[in-house]
C-alpha atoms as a PDB file:
ATOM      1  CA  MET A   1      -0.037  -0.097  -0.049  1.00  0.00           C
ATOM      2  CA  GLU A   2       1.398   3.406  -0.978  1.00  0.00           C
ATOM      3  CA  LYS A   3       0.937   6.471   1.106  1.00  0.00           C
ATOM      4  CA  GLU A   4       3.412   8.899  -0.644  1.00  0.00           C
ATOM      5  CA  GLY A   5       3.035  10.563  -3.865  1.00  0.00           C
ATOM      6  CA  ILE A   6       2.036  13.928  -5.446  1.00  0.00           C
ATOM      7  CA  TYR A   7      -0.400  13.262  -8.388  1.00  0.00           C
ATOM      8  CA  LEU A   8      -1.626  15.709 -10.981  1.00  0.00           C
ATOM      9  CA  GLY A   9      -4.436  15.258 -13.395  1.00  0.00           C
ATOM     10  CA  LEU A  10      -4.142  16.654 -16.887  1.00  0.00           C
ATOM     11  CA  GLY A  11      -7.045  17.170 -19.301  1.00  0.00           C
ATOM     12  CA  SER A  12      -7.645  18.903 -22.622  1.00  0.00           C
ATOM     13  CA  ASN A  13     -10.585  19.028 -25.120  1.00  0.00           C
ATOM     14  CA  LEU A  14      -9.812  22.110 -27.129  1.00  0.00           C
ATOM     15  CA  GLY A  15      -7.118  22.843 -29.711  1.00  0.00           C
ATOM     16  CA  ASP A  16      -4.201  20.458 -30.432  1.00  0.00           C
ATOM     17  CA  LYS A  17      -4.863  18.322 -27.361  1.00  0.00           C
ATOM     18  CA  TRP A  18      -1.831  16.047 -27.849  1.00  0.00           C
ATOM     19  CA  GLN A  19       0.461  19.070 -28.089  1.00  0.00           C
ATOM     20  CA  LEU A  20      -1.162  20.772 -25.160  1.00  0.00           C
ATOM     21  CA  LEU A  21      -0.638  17.691 -22.944  1.00  0.00           C
ATOM     22  CA  LYS A  22       3.069  17.587 -24.140  1.00  0.00           C
ATOM     23  CA  GLN A  23       3.618  21.211 -23.439  1.00  0.00           C
ATOM     24  CA  SER A  24       1.947  21.025 -20.030  1.00  0.00           C
ATOM     25  CA  LYS A  25       4.239  18.244 -19.047  1.00  0.00           C
ATOM     26  CA  GLU A  26       7.223  20.123 -20.300  1.00  0.00           C
ATOM     27  CA  LEU A  27       6.164  23.159 -18.224  1.00  0.00           C
ATOM     28  CA  VAL A  28       5.291  21.080 -15.134  1.00  0.00           C
ATOM     29  CA  SER A  29       8.793  19.506 -15.320  1.00  0.00           C
ATOM     30  CA  LYS A  30      10.341  22.956 -15.642  1.00  0.00           C
ATOM     31  CA  GLU A  31       8.219  24.975 -13.145  1.00  0.00           C
ATOM     32  CA  VAL A  32       6.699  22.551 -10.692  1.00  0.00           C
ATOM     33  CA  GLY A  33       8.813  19.392 -10.162  1.00  0.00           C
ATOM     34  CA  PHE A  34      10.332  16.187 -11.463  1.00  0.00           C
ATOM     35  CA  ILE A  35       8.001  13.790 -13.277  1.00  0.00           C
ATOM     36  CA  VAL A  36       8.446  10.420 -11.639  1.00  0.00           C
ATOM     37  CA  ALA A  37       5.764   8.542 -13.561  1.00  0.00           C
ATOM     38  CA  GLU A  38       3.061   9.248 -16.202  1.00  0.00           C
ATOM     39  CA  SER A  39       0.058   7.250 -17.146  1.00  0.00           C
ATOM     40  CA  SER A  40      -1.098   6.502 -20.655  1.00  0.00           C
ATOM     41  CA  VAL A  41      -3.369   8.960 -22.303  1.00  0.00           C
ATOM     42  CA  TYR A  42      -7.129   8.201 -22.130  1.00  0.00           C
ATOM     43  CA  GLU A  43      -9.999   9.601 -24.189  1.00  0.00           C
ATOM     44  CA  THR A  44     -13.238  10.276 -22.495  1.00  0.00           C
ATOM     45  CA  ALA A  45     -16.494  12.255 -23.059  1.00  0.00           C
ATOM     46  CA  PRO A  46     -16.857  15.391 -21.064  1.00  0.00           C
ATOM     47  CA  TRP A  47     -17.974  14.889 -17.402  1.00  0.00           C
ATOM     48  CA  GLY A  48     -20.614  17.115 -16.034  1.00  0.00           C
ATOM     49  CA  PHE A  49     -21.397  19.138 -19.225  1.00  0.00           C
ATOM     50  CA  GLU A  50     -22.225  18.560 -22.829  1.00  0.00           C
ATOM     51  CA  SER A  51     -19.653  19.032 -25.639  1.00  0.00           C
ATOM     52  CA  GLU A  52     -18.840  17.572 -28.950  1.00  0.00           C
ATOM     53  CA  ASN A  53     -15.142  17.552 -28.041  1.00  0.00           C
ATOM     54  CA  LEU A  54     -13.824  14.506 -26.311  1.00  0.00           C
ATOM     55  CA  PHE A  55     -11.147  14.873 -23.654  1.00  0.00           C
ATOM     56  CA  LEU A  56      -7.627  13.537 -23.468  1.00  0.00           C
ATOM     57  CA  ASN A  57      -6.779  12.854 -19.829  1.00  0.00           C
ATOM     58  CA  GLN A  58      -3.490  11.722 -18.160  1.00  0.00           C
ATOM     59  CA  VAL A  59      -2.096  11.474 -14.624  1.00  0.00           C
ATOM     60  CA  LEU A  60       1.434  12.392 -13.567  1.00  0.00           C
ATOM     61  CA  CYS A  61       3.261  11.482 -10.335  1.00  0.00           C
ATOM     62  CA  ILE A  62       5.766  14.191  -9.438  1.00  0.00           C
ATOM     63  CA  GLN A  63       8.373  15.117  -6.830  1.00  0.00           C
ATOM     64  CA  THR A  64       8.537  18.800  -5.785  1.00  0.00           C
ATOM     65  CA  HIS A  65       9.888  21.039  -3.065  1.00  0.00           C
ATOM     66  CA  LEU A  66       6.799  23.421  -3.497  1.00  0.00           C
ATOM     67  CA  THR A  67       4.101  23.572  -1.018  1.00  0.00           C
ATOM     68  CA  PRO A  68       0.514  22.576  -2.149  1.00  0.00           C
ATOM     69  CA  ASN A  69      -0.420  26.362  -2.541  1.00  0.00           C
ATOM     70  CA  GLU A  70       2.862  27.143  -4.337  1.00  0.00           C
ATOM     71  CA  MET A  71       2.324  24.241  -6.710  1.00  0.00           C
ATOM     72  CA  LEU A  72      -1.283  25.326  -7.431  1.00  0.00           C
ATOM     73  CA  GLU A  73      -0.020  28.829  -8.288  1.00  0.00           C
ATOM     74  CA  LYS A  74       2.421  27.371 -10.740  1.00  0.00           C
ATOM     75  CA  LEU A  75      -0.228  25.150 -12.340  1.00  0.00           C
ATOM     76  CA  LEU A  76      -2.646  28.055 -12.787  1.00  0.00           C
ATOM     77  CA  GLN A  77       0.174  30.003 -14.512  1.00  0.00           C
ATOM     78  CA  ILE A  78       0.816  27.064 -16.821  1.00  0.00           C
ATOM     79  CA  GLU A  79      -2.893  26.838 -17.623  1.00  0.00           C
ATOM     80  CA  ILE A  80      -2.916  30.572 -18.568  1.00  0.00           C
ATOM     81  CA  GLU A  81       0.168  30.223 -20.676  1.00  0.00           C
ATOM     82  CA  LEU A  82      -1.391  27.461 -22.657  1.00  0.00           C
ATOM     83  CA  GLY A  83      -4.621  29.405 -23.332  1.00  0.00           C
ATOM     84  CA  ARG A  84      -6.890  28.462 -20.600  1.00  0.00           C
ATOM     85  CA  LYS A  85      -9.717  30.891 -19.982  1.00  0.00           C
ATOM     86  CA  ARG A  86     -11.916  30.683 -16.938  1.00  0.00           C
ATOM     87  CA  PHE A  87     -15.269  32.277 -17.399  1.00  0.00           C
ATOM     88  CA  SER A  88     -17.123  30.778 -14.470  1.00  0.00           C
ATOM     89  CA  GLN A  89     -17.078  27.939 -11.878  1.00  0.00           C
ATOM     90  CA  GLN A  90     -19.173  25.729 -14.385  1.00  0.00           C
ATOM     91  CA  TYR A  91     -17.638  22.852 -16.175  1.00  0.00           C
ATOM     92  CA  THR A  92     -16.721  23.810 -19.733  1.00  0.00           C
ATOM     93  CA  SER A  93     -14.442  22.962 -22.597  1.00  0.00           C
ATOM     94  CA  ARG A  94     -10.796  23.947 -22.026  1.00  0.00           C
ATOM     95  CA  THR A  95      -7.410  23.886 -23.656  1.00  0.00           C
ATOM     96  CA  ILE A  96      -5.797  22.507 -20.570  1.00  0.00           C
ATOM     97  CA  ASP A  97      -6.854  21.600 -17.039  1.00  0.00           C
ATOM     98  CA  LEU A  98      -4.191  20.817 -14.481  1.00  0.00           C
ATOM     99  CA  ASP A  99      -5.562  19.533 -11.101  1.00  0.00           C
ATOM    100  CA  VAL A 100      -3.848  18.626  -7.892  1.00  0.00           C
ATOM    101  CA  LEU A 101      -5.257  15.107  -7.114  1.00  0.00           C
ATOM    102  CA  PHE A 102      -3.162  14.123  -4.061  1.00  0.00           C
ATOM    103  CA  TYR A 103      -0.195  15.704  -2.134  1.00  0.00           C
ATOM    104  CA  ASN A 104       0.998  12.615  -0.300  1.00  0.00           C
ATOM    105  CA  GLN A 105      -1.522  12.085   2.549  1.00  0.00           C
ATOM    106  CA  THR A 106      -2.239  15.740   3.004  1.00  0.00           C
ATOM    107  CA  ILE A 107      -5.807  16.808   3.704  1.00  0.00           C
ATOM    108  CA  LEU A 108      -6.350  20.403   2.933  1.00  0.00           C
ATOM    109  CA  GLU A 109      -9.587  22.437   2.642  1.00  0.00           C
ATOM    110  CA  GLU A 110      -9.108  26.091   1.541  1.00  0.00           C
ATOM    111  CA  PRO A 111     -11.203  28.251  -0.614  1.00  0.00           C
ATOM    112  CA  GLU A 112      -8.810  27.866  -3.654  1.00  0.00           C
ATOM    113  CA  LEU A 113      -7.503  24.339  -3.012  1.00  0.00           C
ATOM    114  CA  VAL A 114      -8.991  21.158  -1.714  1.00  0.00           C
ATOM    115  CA  ILE A 115      -6.709  18.073  -1.370  1.00  0.00           C
ATOM    116  CA  PRO A 116      -7.447  15.302  -2.162  1.00  0.00           C
ATOM    117  CA  HIS A 117      -9.376  16.500  -5.152  1.00  0.00           C
ATOM    118  CA  PRO A 118     -13.051  16.401  -3.852  1.00  0.00           C
ATOM    119  CA  LYS A 119     -14.511  14.556  -6.977  1.00  0.00           C
ATOM    120  CA  LEU A 120     -11.720  12.206  -8.060  1.00  0.00           C
ATOM    121  CA  HIS A 121     -13.367   9.170  -6.629  1.00  0.00           C
ATOM    122  CA  GLU A 122     -16.405   9.841  -8.862  1.00  0.00           C
ATOM    123  CA  ARG A 123     -14.506  10.141 -12.124  1.00  0.00           C
ATOM    124  CA  LYS A 124     -13.233   7.184 -14.107  1.00  0.00           C
ATOM    125  CA  PHE A 125     -11.147   9.610 -16.241  1.00  0.00           C
ATOM    126  CA  VAL A 126      -8.987  10.309 -13.181  1.00  0.00           C
ATOM    127  CA  LEU A 127      -9.209   6.789 -11.528  1.00  0.00           C
ATOM    128  CA  VAL A 128      -8.390   4.778 -14.635  1.00  0.00           C
ATOM    129  CA  PRO A 129      -5.142   6.439 -15.437  1.00  0.00           C
ATOM    130  CA  LEU A 130      -4.276   6.907 -11.724  1.00  0.00           C
ATOM    131  CA  SER A 131      -4.800   3.145 -11.167  1.00  0.00           C
ATOM    132  CA  GLU A 132      -2.292   2.539 -13.997  1.00  0.00           C
ATOM    133  CA  ILE A 133       0.560   4.175 -12.138  1.00  0.00           C
ATOM    134  CA  ALA A 134      -0.526   4.052  -8.518  1.00  0.00           C
ATOM    135  CA  PRO A 135      -3.127   1.215  -7.909  1.00  0.00           C
ATOM    136  CA  GLY A 136      -2.072   0.777  -4.277  1.00  0.00           C
ATOM    137  CA  PHE A 137      -2.076   4.518  -3.288  1.00  0.00           C
ATOM    138  CA  ILE A 138      -4.392   4.963  -0.342  1.00  0.00           C
ATOM    139  CA  HIS A 139      -6.894   7.794  -0.402  1.00  0.00           C
ATOM    140  CA  PRO A 140      -6.300   9.653   2.938  1.00  0.00           C
ATOM    141  CA  ARG A 141     -10.039  10.376   3.442  1.00  0.00           C
ATOM    142  CA  PHE A 142     -11.663   7.124   2.342  1.00  0.00           C
ATOM    143  CA  HIS A 143      -8.698   4.737   3.415  1.00  0.00           C
ATOM    144  CA  LYS A 144      -9.153   2.771   0.200  1.00  0.00           C
ATOM    145  CA  THR A 145      -6.705   2.050  -2.626  1.00  0.00           C
ATOM    146  CA  ILE A 146      -7.157   3.642  -5.992  1.00  0.00           C
ATOM    147  CA  SER A 147      -7.966   0.194  -7.391  1.00  0.00           C
ATOM    148  CA  GLU A 148     -10.727  -0.180  -4.743  1.00  0.00           C
ATOM    149  CA  LEU A 149     -12.142   3.211  -5.496  1.00  0.00           C
ATOM    150  CA  LEU A 150     -12.213   2.423  -9.253  1.00  0.00           C
ATOM    151  CA  ILE A 151     -14.249  -0.797  -8.603  1.00  0.00           C
ATOM    152  CA  ILE A 152     -16.972   1.194  -6.692  1.00  0.00           C
ATOM    153  CA  CYS A 153     -16.806   4.361  -8.936  1.00  0.00           C
ATOM    154  CA  PRO A 154     -20.306   5.351  -9.988  1.00  0.00           C
ATOM    155  CA  ASP A 155     -19.160   6.959 -13.253  1.00  0.00           C
ATOM    156  CA  THR A 156     -20.499   5.177 -16.267  1.00  0.00           C
ATOM    157  CA  LEU A 157     -18.595   7.174 -19.019  1.00  0.00           C
ATOM    158  CA  GLU A 158     -16.247   5.161 -21.180  1.00  0.00           C
ATOM    159  CA  CYS A 159     -12.499   5.681 -20.718  1.00  0.00           C
ATOM    160  CA  HIS A 160     -10.288   4.385 -23.487  1.00  0.00           C
ATOM    161  CA  LYS A 161      -6.535   4.229 -23.791  1.00  0.00           C
ATOM    162  CA  VAL A 162      -5.260   6.045 -26.941  1.00  0.00           C
ATOM    163  CA  GLU A 163      -1.978   6.383 -28.685  1.00  0.00           C
ATOM    164  CA  ALA A 164      -0.445   9.657 -29.929  1.00  0.00           C
ATOM    165  CA  PRO A 165      -1.124  10.135 -33.695  1.00  0.00           C
END
């Protein structure tokens, strides 16, 4: 059972999605921390809103000296640099979305940052790639592994592994 790991979720459904994932990983590596592991890329329908554009999703495990809030600030800067525009709190299409999923066993509830990500256990597009690189990681709130959370996940959306063109 794993209790250590900083995990980030990446998603894109606008523009050159493959290039945006690649650029975001390069910027994470440069600005945030060392990428220890990365999942395959998965294609999924939008979760929580309607769009014709399918998402590409991936999960990274990183090592960083940054605090959770410092890391969030860097991730938000990367999103802006890659063309992300936030119009509201509603779910919507986006060039890139970078989410902090876990920061080791940290539990944090602040207005701008909640760790673990509060909806990750409801989303196959997070759990499937996360289970590929960290199946035994223990969720600090639910005390279940990622593999166990995937089994009981209520999400019915398909999540398919895809290869780069």
